[in-house]
PDB file of N, CA and C in Angstrom:
ATOM      1  N   MET A   1       0.893  -1.311  -0.114  1.00  0.00           N
ATOM      2  CA  MET A   1      -0.025  -0.039  -0.198  1.00  0.00           C
ATOM      3  C   MET A   1       1.293   1.085  -0.270  1.00  0.00           C
ATOM      4  N   ASN A   2       0.340   2.240  -1.156  1.00  0.00           N
ATOM      5  CA  ASN A   2       1.138   3.659  -0.793  1.00  0.00           C
ATOM      6  C   ASN A   2       0.483   4.584  -1.454  1.00  0.00           C
ATOM      7  N   LYS A   3       0.220   4.749   0.019  1.00  0.00           N
ATOM      8  CA  LYS A   3      -0.842   6.860  -0.396  1.00  0.00           C
ATOM      9  C   LYS A   3       0.054   7.962   0.772  1.00  0.00           C
ATOM     10  N   ILE A   4       0.185   8.382  -0.366  1.00  0.00           N
ATOM     11  CA  ILE A   4       0.077  10.179   0.651  1.00  0.00           C
ATOM     12  C   ILE A   4      -0.589  11.013   1.401  1.00  0.00           C
ATOM     13  N   LEU A   5      -0.905  11.452   2.566  1.00  0.00           N
ATOM     14  CA  LEU A   5      -1.590  11.773   4.121  1.00  0.00           C
ATOM     15  C   LEU A   5      -1.415  13.330   3.573  1.00  0.00           C
ATOM     16  N   LYS A   6      -2.535  14.141   3.900  1.00  0.00           N
ATOM     17  CA  LYS A   6      -2.374  14.996   4.457  1.00  0.00           C
ATOM     18  C   LYS A   6      -2.519  15.811   5.763  1.00  0.00           C
ATOM     19  N   SER A   7      -2.132  16.578   6.600  1.00  0.00           N
ATOM     20  CA  SER A   7      -2.125  16.422   8.485  1.00  0.00           C
ATOM     21  C   SER A   7      -2.957  17.916   7.922  1.00  0.00           C
ATOM     22  N   THR A   8      -3.735  17.698   8.886  1.00  0.00           N
ATOM     23  CA  THR A   8      -4.210  18.699   9.839  1.00  0.00           C
ATOM     24  C   THR A   8      -3.646  19.719   9.525  1.00  0.00           C
ATOM     25  N   VAL A   9      -3.577  21.129  10.220  1.00  0.00           N
ATOM     26  CA  VAL A   9      -3.340  22.301  10.572  1.00  0.00           C
ATOM     27  C   VAL A   9      -3.009  21.978  12.112  1.00  0.00           C
ATOM     28  N   ARG A  10      -3.263  20.850  12.670  1.00  0.00           N
ATOM     29  CA  ARG A  10      -3.087  20.648  13.790  1.00  0.00           C
ATOM     30  C   ARG A  10      -1.689  19.589  14.356  1.00  0.00           C
ATOM     31  N   GLY A  11      -1.532  19.180  13.198  1.00  0.00           N
ATOM     32  CA  GLY A  11      -0.206  17.481  12.408  1.00  0.00           C
ATOM     33  C   GLY A  11      -0.763  16.683  12.556  1.00  0.00           C
ATOM     34  N   GLN A  12      -2.624  16.096  12.522  1.00  0.00           N
ATOM     35  CA  GLN A  12      -2.852  14.644  12.704  1.00  0.00           C
ATOM     36  C   GLN A  12      -2.566  14.566  11.292  1.00  0.00           C
ATOM     37  N   ILE A  13      -3.311  12.977  11.255  1.00  0.00           N
ATOM     38  CA  ILE A  13      -3.301  12.880   9.821  1.00  0.00           C
ATOM     39  C   ILE A  13      -4.362  11.661  10.420  1.00  0.00           C
ATOM     40  N   THR A  14      -5.011  10.804   9.018  1.00  0.00           N
ATOM     41  CA  THR A  14      -5.851   9.636   9.345  1.00  0.00           C
ATOM     42  C   THR A  14      -5.213   8.617   8.798  1.00  0.00           C
ATOM     43  N   LEU A  15      -4.631   7.306  10.122  1.00  0.00           N
ATOM     44  CA  LEU A  15      -4.628   6.285   9.210  1.00  0.00           C
ATOM     45  C   LEU A  15      -5.102   5.733   8.585  1.00  0.00           C
ATOM     46  N   PRO A  16      -4.323   4.635   7.289  1.00  0.00           N
ATOM     47  CA  PRO A  16      -5.931   4.079   6.587  1.00  0.00           C
ATOM     48  C   PRO A  16      -6.713   3.309   7.112  1.00  0.00           C
ATOM     49  N   LYS A  17      -8.341   2.901   6.865  1.00  0.00           N
ATOM     50  CA  LYS A  17      -9.200   2.007   7.491  1.00  0.00           C
ATOM     51  C   LYS A  17      -8.435   0.877   6.728  1.00  0.00           C
ATOM     52  N   GLU A  18      -7.972   0.548   6.153  1.00  0.00           N
ATOM     53  CA  GLU A  18      -7.847  -0.693   5.880  1.00  0.00           C
ATOM     54  C   GLU A  18      -6.624  -1.507   6.923  1.00  0.00           C
ATOM     55  N   TRP A  19      -5.359  -0.568   6.414  1.00  0.00           N
ATOM     56  CA  TRP A  19      -4.603  -0.517   7.172  1.00  0.00           C
ATOM     57  C   TRP A  19      -4.938  -0.929   8.942  1.00  0.00           C
ATOM     58  N   ARG A  20      -5.606  -0.272  10.417  1.00  0.00           N
ATOM     59  CA  ARG A  20      -6.197   0.423  11.318  1.00  0.00           C
ATOM     60  C   ARG A  20      -7.410  -1.191  11.664  1.00  0.00           C
ATOM     61  N   ASP A  21      -7.706  -1.743  10.346  1.00  0.00           N
ATOM     62  CA  ASP A  21      -8.949  -2.876  10.054  1.00  0.00           C
ATOM     63  C   ASP A  21      -8.208  -3.987  10.257  1.00  0.00           C
ATOM     64  N   SER A  22      -7.134  -4.526   9.821  1.00  0.00           N
ATOM     65  CA  SER A  22      -6.345  -5.733   9.773  1.00  0.00           C
ATOM     66  C   SER A  22      -5.179  -5.275  10.909  1.00  0.00           C
ATOM     67  N   HIS A  23      -5.046  -4.415  12.086  1.00  0.00           N
ATOM     68  CA  HIS A  23      -4.469  -4.781  13.666  1.00  0.00           C
ATOM     69  C   HIS A  23      -5.557  -5.123  14.623  1.00  0.00           C
ATOM     70  N   GLY A  24      -6.530  -4.449  14.180  1.00  0.00           N
ATOM     71  CA  GLY A  24      -7.395  -5.238  15.564  1.00  0.00           C
ATOM     72  C   GLY A  24      -7.352  -4.535  16.747  1.00  0.00           C
ATOM     73  N   THR A  25      -7.013  -3.066  16.486  1.00  0.00           N
ATOM     74  CA  THR A  25      -6.650  -1.672  17.840  1.00  0.00           C
ATOM     75  C   THR A  25      -6.388  -0.167  17.732  1.00  0.00           C
ATOM     76  N   ASP A  26      -7.292   0.317  18.362  1.00  0.00           N
ATOM     77  CA  ASP A  26      -6.275   1.449  18.430  1.00  0.00           C
ATOM     78  C   ASP A  26      -5.721   2.126  19.236  1.00  0.00           C
ATOM     79  N   HIS A  27      -4.452   1.574  19.808  1.00  0.00           N
ATOM     80  CA  HIS A  27      -3.494   1.555  20.341  1.00  0.00           C
ATOM     81  C   HIS A  27      -1.660   1.833  19.964  1.00  0.00           C
ATOM     82  N   TYR A  28      -0.787   2.680  19.158  1.00  0.00           N
ATOM     83  CA  TYR A  28       0.148   2.245  18.718  1.00  0.00           C
ATOM     84  C   TYR A  28       1.405   2.575  19.741  1.00  0.00           C
ATOM     85  N   ARG A  29       2.535   1.914  19.135  1.00  0.00           N
ATOM     86  CA  ARG A  29       3.881   2.453  19.389  1.00  0.00           C
ATOM     87  C   ARG A  29       4.293   3.636  18.576  1.00  0.00           C
ATOM     88  N   VAL A  30       5.158   5.086  18.712  1.00  0.00           N
ATOM     89  CA  VAL A  30       5.392   5.011  17.804  1.00  0.00           C
ATOM     90  C   VAL A  30       6.993   5.355  18.056  1.00  0.00           C
ATOM     91  N   GLN A  31       7.621   4.716  16.832  1.00  0.00           N
ATOM     92  CA  GLN A  31       8.893   4.600  17.165  1.00  0.00           C
ATOM     93  C   GLN A  31       9.565   6.332  16.071  1.00  0.00           C
ATOM     94  N   ILE A  32      10.370   7.202  16.243  1.00  0.00           N
ATOM     95  CA  ILE A  32      11.253   8.261  15.099  1.00  0.00           C
ATOM     96  C   ILE A  32      12.678   7.898  14.929  1.00  0.00           C
ATOM     97  N   GLU A  33      13.117   7.070  13.770  1.00  0.00           N
ATOM     98  CA  GLU A  33      14.052   6.993  13.215  1.00  0.00           C
ATOM     99  C   GLU A  33      14.640   7.896  11.829  1.00  0.00           C
ATOM    100  N   LYS A  34      15.292   8.862  12.837  1.00  0.00           N
ATOM    101  CA  LYS A  34      15.798  10.088  11.581  1.00  0.00           C
ATOM    102  C   LYS A  34      14.842  10.764  10.962  1.00  0.00           C
ATOM    103  N   ASN A  35      14.296  10.321   9.639  1.00  0.00           N
ATOM    104  CA  ASN A  35      13.118  11.017   8.825  1.00  0.00           C
ATOM    105  C   ASN A  35      11.813   9.990   8.771  1.00  0.00           C
ATOM    106  N   THR A  36      11.624   8.870   8.948  1.00  0.00           N
ATOM    107  CA  THR A  36      10.553   7.881   9.455  1.00  0.00           C
ATOM    108  C   THR A  36      10.408   7.310  10.616  1.00  0.00           C
ATOM    109  N   LEU A  37       8.997   8.115  10.231  1.00  0.00           N
ATOM    110  CA  LEU A  37       7.790   7.622  11.739  1.00  0.00           C
ATOM    111  C   LEU A  37       7.345   6.410  11.403  1.00  0.00           C
ATOM    112  N   ILE A  38       7.408   5.451  12.739  1.00  0.00           N
ATOM    113  CA  ILE A  38       7.524   3.798  12.256  1.00  0.00           C
ATOM    114  C   ILE A  38       5.637   4.001  13.580  1.00  0.00           C
ATOM    115  N   LEU A  39       4.730   3.029  12.912  1.00  0.00           N
ATOM    116  CA  LEU A  39       3.833   2.519  13.252  1.00  0.00           C
ATOM    117  C   LEU A  39       3.907   1.369  14.073  1.00  0.00           C
ATOM    118  N   ILE A  40       3.318   0.403  15.304  1.00  0.00           N
ATOM    119  CA  ILE A  40       3.177  -0.432  15.776  1.00  0.00           C
ATOM    120  C   ILE A  40       2.609  -0.715  16.165  1.00  0.00           C
ATOM    121  N   PRO A  41       2.064  -1.259  16.319  1.00  0.00           N
ATOM    122  CA  PRO A  41       0.433  -2.135  16.644  1.00  0.00           C
ATOM    123  C   PRO A  41       0.004  -2.224  18.042  1.00  0.00           C
ATOM    124  N   LEU A  42      -0.598  -1.709  19.055  1.00  0.00           N
ATOM    125  CA  LEU A  42      -0.184  -2.625  20.090  1.00  0.00           C
ATOM    126  C   LEU A  42      -1.793  -3.307  20.132  1.00  0.00           C
ATOM    127  N   HIS A  43      -1.493  -4.219  21.197  1.00  0.00           N
ATOM    128  CA  HIS A  43      -2.440  -5.751  21.416  1.00  0.00           C
ATOM    129  C   HIS A  43      -2.310  -4.927  22.747  1.00  0.00           C
ATOM    130  N   LEU A  44      -3.136  -4.012  23.888  1.00  0.00           N
ATOM    131  CA  LEU A  44      -3.553  -4.329  25.300  1.00  0.00           C
ATOM    132  C   LEU A  44      -4.229  -5.130  25.950  1.00  0.00           C
ATOM    133  N   ASP A  45      -3.835  -5.678  27.074  1.00  0.00           N
ATOM    134  CA  ASP A  45      -5.105  -6.604  27.755  1.00  0.00           C
ATOM    135  C   ASP A  45      -5.726  -5.498  27.802  1.00  0.00           C
ATOM    136  N   PRO A  46      -7.319  -6.062  27.443  1.00  0.00           N
ATOM    137  CA  PRO A  46      -8.708  -5.185  27.857  1.00  0.00           C
ATOM    138  C   PRO A  46      -8.623  -4.917  29.585  1.00  0.00           C
ATOM    139  N   GLU A  47      -7.906  -5.904  30.130  1.00  0.00           N
ATOM    140  CA  GLU A  47      -8.574  -6.241  31.096  1.00  0.00           C
ATOM    141  C   GLU A  47      -7.736  -5.135  32.536  1.00  0.00           C
ATOM    142  N   GLN A  48      -6.393  -4.921  31.403  1.00  0.00           N
ATOM    143  CA  GLN A  48      -5.539  -4.144  31.999  1.00  0.00           C
ATOM    144  C   GLN A  48      -5.956  -2.703  33.330  1.00  0.00           C
ATOM    145  N   ASP A  49      -5.417  -2.560  34.120  1.00  0.00           N
ATOM    146  CA  ASP A  49      -6.295  -1.307  34.249  1.00  0.00           C
ATOM    147  C   ASP A  49      -5.615  -0.311  33.909  1.00  0.00           C
ATOM    148  N   GLU A  50      -5.668   0.694  33.326  1.00  0.00           N
ATOM    149  CA  GLU A  50      -4.697   2.088  32.793  1.00  0.00           C
ATOM    150  C   GLU A  50      -5.284   2.879  32.954  1.00  0.00           C
ATOM    151  N   ASP A  51      -4.672   3.766  33.749  1.00  0.00           N
ATOM    152  CA  ASP A  51      -5.443   5.136  33.770  1.00  0.00           C
ATOM    153  C   ASP A  51      -4.740   6.334  32.314  1.00  0.00           C
ATOM    154  N   VAL A  52      -5.039   7.082  31.895  1.00  0.00           N
ATOM    155  CA  VAL A  52      -4.341   8.267  31.241  1.00  0.00           C
ATOM    156  C   VAL A  52      -4.353   9.310  32.266  1.00  0.00           C
ATOM    157  N   ILE A  53      -3.073   9.983  32.514  1.00  0.00           N
ATOM    158  CA  ILE A  53      -3.417  10.816  33.849  1.00  0.00           C
ATOM    159  C   ILE A  53      -3.563  12.322  33.149  1.00  0.00           C
ATOM    160  N   PHE A  54      -2.573  12.378  32.063  1.00  0.00           N
ATOM    161  CA  PHE A  54      -2.682  13.899  31.280  1.00  0.00           C
ATOM    162  C   PHE A  54      -3.188  13.079  29.670  1.00  0.00           C
ATOM    163  N   ASN A  55      -3.390  14.199  29.530  1.00  0.00           N
ATOM    164  CA  ASN A  55      -3.910  13.764  27.291  1.00  0.00           C
ATOM    165  C   ASN A  55      -3.788  16.118  27.283  1.00  0.00           C
ATOM    166  N   ALA A  56      -2.470  15.395  26.005  1.00  0.00           N
ATOM    167  CA  ALA A  56      -3.215  17.142  25.789  1.00  0.00           C
ATOM    168  C   ALA A  56      -4.059  18.120  25.129  1.00  0.00           C
ATOM    169  N   ASP A  57      -4.996  17.552  24.240  1.00  0.00           N
ATOM    170  CA  ASP A  57      -5.771  17.595  24.008  1.00  0.00           C
ATOM    171  C   ASP A  57      -6.999  17.628  24.616  1.00  0.00           C
ATOM    172  N   ARG A  58      -7.365  16.940  25.693  1.00  0.00           N
ATOM    173  CA  ARG A  58      -8.217  17.014  26.392  1.00  0.00           C
ATOM    174  C   ARG A  58      -7.964  17.954  27.957  1.00  0.00           C
ATOM    175  N   ASP A  59      -6.911  18.278  28.912  1.00  0.00           N
ATOM    176  CA  ASP A  59      -6.378  18.659  29.780  1.00  0.00           C
ATOM    177  C   ASP A  59      -6.003  19.751  29.451  1.00  0.00           C
ATOM    178  N   ASN A  60      -4.837  20.517  28.387  1.00  0.00           N
ATOM    179  CA  ASN A  60      -4.628  21.531  28.106  1.00  0.00           C
ATOM    180  C   ASN A  60      -4.545  22.018  26.631  1.00  0.00           C
ATOM    181  N   ASP A  61      -5.343  22.252  25.753  1.00  0.00           N
ATOM    182  CA  ASP A  61      -5.750  22.707  24.540  1.00  0.00           C
ATOM    183  C   ASP A  61      -3.873  22.078  23.980  1.00  0.00           C
ATOM    184  N   GLY A  62      -4.398  20.701  23.890  1.00  0.00           N
ATOM    185  CA  GLY A  62      -2.865  20.169  22.621  1.00  0.00           C
ATOM    186  C   GLY A  62      -1.171  20.452  22.855  1.00  0.00           C
ATOM    187  N   LYS A  63      -1.418  21.446  23.873  1.00  0.00           N
ATOM    188  CA  LYS A  63       0.158  21.909  24.203  1.00  0.00           C
ATOM    189  C   LYS A  63       0.522  20.489  25.553  1.00  0.00           C
ATOM    190  N   GLY A  64       1.803  20.657  25.246  1.00  0.00           N
ATOM    191  CA  GLY A  64       2.590  20.111  26.613  1.00  0.00           C
ATOM    192  C   GLY A  64       2.539  19.820  27.906  1.00  0.00           C
ATOM    193  N   ILE A  65       2.910  19.575  28.380  1.00  0.00           N
ATOM    194  CA  ILE A  65       3.404  20.116  30.286  1.00  0.00           C
ATOM    195  C   ILE A  65       4.834  19.377  30.446  1.00  0.00           C
ATOM    196  N   SER A  66       5.465  20.416  31.550  1.00  0.00           N
ATOM    197  CA  SER A  66       6.634  20.690  32.027  1.00  0.00           C
ATOM    198  C   SER A  66       6.952  19.415  32.275  1.00  0.00           C
ATOM    199  N   LEU A  67       8.674  18.345  32.708  1.00  0.00           N
ATOM    200  CA  LEU A  67       8.474  17.715  33.688  1.00  0.00           C
ATOM    201  C   LEU A  67       8.293  17.440  34.943  1.00  0.00           C
ATOM    202  N   ASP A  68       8.285  18.753  35.243  1.00  0.00           N
ATOM    203  CA  ASP A  68       8.101  19.526  36.611  1.00  0.00           C
ATOM    204  C   ASP A  68       6.525  18.768  37.192  1.00  0.00           C
ATOM    205  N   SER A  69       5.794  19.605  35.911  1.00  0.00           N
ATOM    206  CA  SER A  69       3.933  19.780  36.613  1.00  0.00           C
ATOM    207  C   SER A  69       3.875  17.806  36.371  1.00  0.00           C
ATOM    208  N   MET A  70       4.897  17.299  35.290  1.00  0.00           N
ATOM    209  CA  MET A  70       3.879  15.254  35.289  1.00  0.00           C
ATOM    210  C   MET A  70       4.524  15.067  36.885  1.00  0.00           C
ATOM    211  N   ILE A  71       5.394  15.133  37.376  1.00  0.00           N
ATOM    212  CA  ILE A  71       6.338  14.663  38.745  1.00  0.00           C
ATOM    213  C   ILE A  71       5.369  15.351  39.337  1.00  0.00           C
ATOM    214  N   SER A  72       4.881  16.084  38.952  1.00  0.00           N
ATOM    215  CA  SER A  72       3.471  16.931  40.398  1.00  0.00           C
ATOM    216  C   SER A  72       2.368  16.524  40.806  1.00  0.00           C
ATOM    217  N   MET A  73       1.678  16.044  39.311  1.00  0.00           N
ATOM    218  CA  MET A  73       0.681  15.024  39.168  1.00  0.00           C
ATOM    219  C   MET A  73       1.004  13.596  39.575  1.00  0.00           C
ATOM    220  N   LEU A  74       1.578  12.994  39.197  1.00  0.00           N
ATOM    221  CA  LEU A  74       2.468  11.471  39.438  1.00  0.00           C
ATOM    222  C   LEU A  74       2.304  11.782  40.567  1.00  0.00           C
ATOM    223  N   THR A  75       2.992  12.613  41.938  1.00  0.00           N
ATOM    224  CA  THR A  75       3.372  12.874  43.523  1.00  0.00           C
ATOM    225  C   THR A  75       2.047  12.821  43.783  1.00  0.00           C
ATOM    226  N   LYS A  76       1.116  13.705  43.514  1.00  0.00           N
ATOM    227  CA  LYS A  76      -0.724  14.260  43.631  1.00  0.00           C
ATOM    228  C   LYS A  76      -1.408  12.607  43.665  1.00  0.00           C
ATOM    229  N   ILE A  77      -1.121  12.090  42.584  1.00  0.00           N
ATOM    230  CA  ILE A  77      -2.112  10.491  42.371  1.00  0.00           C
ATOM    231  C   ILE A  77      -1.627   9.493  43.271  1.00  0.00           C
ATOM    232  N   ILE A  78      -0.279   9.171  43.393  1.00  0.00           N
ATOM    233  CA  ILE A  78       0.725   8.171  44.298  1.00  0.00           C
ATOM    234  C   ILE A  78      -0.270   8.488  45.722  1.00  0.00           C
ATOM    235  N   HIS A  79      -0.070   9.389  46.547  1.00  0.00           N
ATOM    236  CA  HIS A  79      -0.507  10.558  47.813  1.00  0.00           C
ATOM    237  C   HIS A  79      -1.628   9.777  48.054  1.00  0.00           C
ATOM    238  N   GLU A  80      -3.033  10.217  46.715  1.00  0.00           N
ATOM    239  CA  GLU A  80      -3.769  10.156  47.445  1.00  0.00           C
ATOM    240  C   GLU A  80      -4.516   8.415  47.080  1.00  0.00           C
ATOM    241  N   GLN A  81      -4.079   7.420  46.757  1.00  0.00           N
ATOM    242  CA  GLN A  81      -4.150   6.297  46.392  1.00  0.00           C
ATOM    243  C   GLN A  81      -3.694   5.956  47.977  1.00  0.00           C
ATOM    244  N   ASP A  82      -2.619   6.586  48.784  1.00  0.00           N
ATOM    245  CA  ASP A  82      -2.280   5.813  50.067  1.00  0.00           C
ATOM    246  C   ASP A  82      -3.817   5.979  51.017  1.00  0.00           C
TER     247      ASP A  82
END
């Protein structure tokens, strides 16, 4: 398969449906090697209890946060669970 994809203003692209469907997942690991972007489908255990603690689109208008802020968030979550 050889396709040309155009990104949105925010840098998003749509993965071809045939490719997404062939992997049966909506989770991917991204690997960057020089000028190549590698997407690796992940098959997560649905029973695994994972929480998203920070989603840049959801939590911060698409902007990342500093490492100190992330550490602060994690520390707060850990103390809430005690």
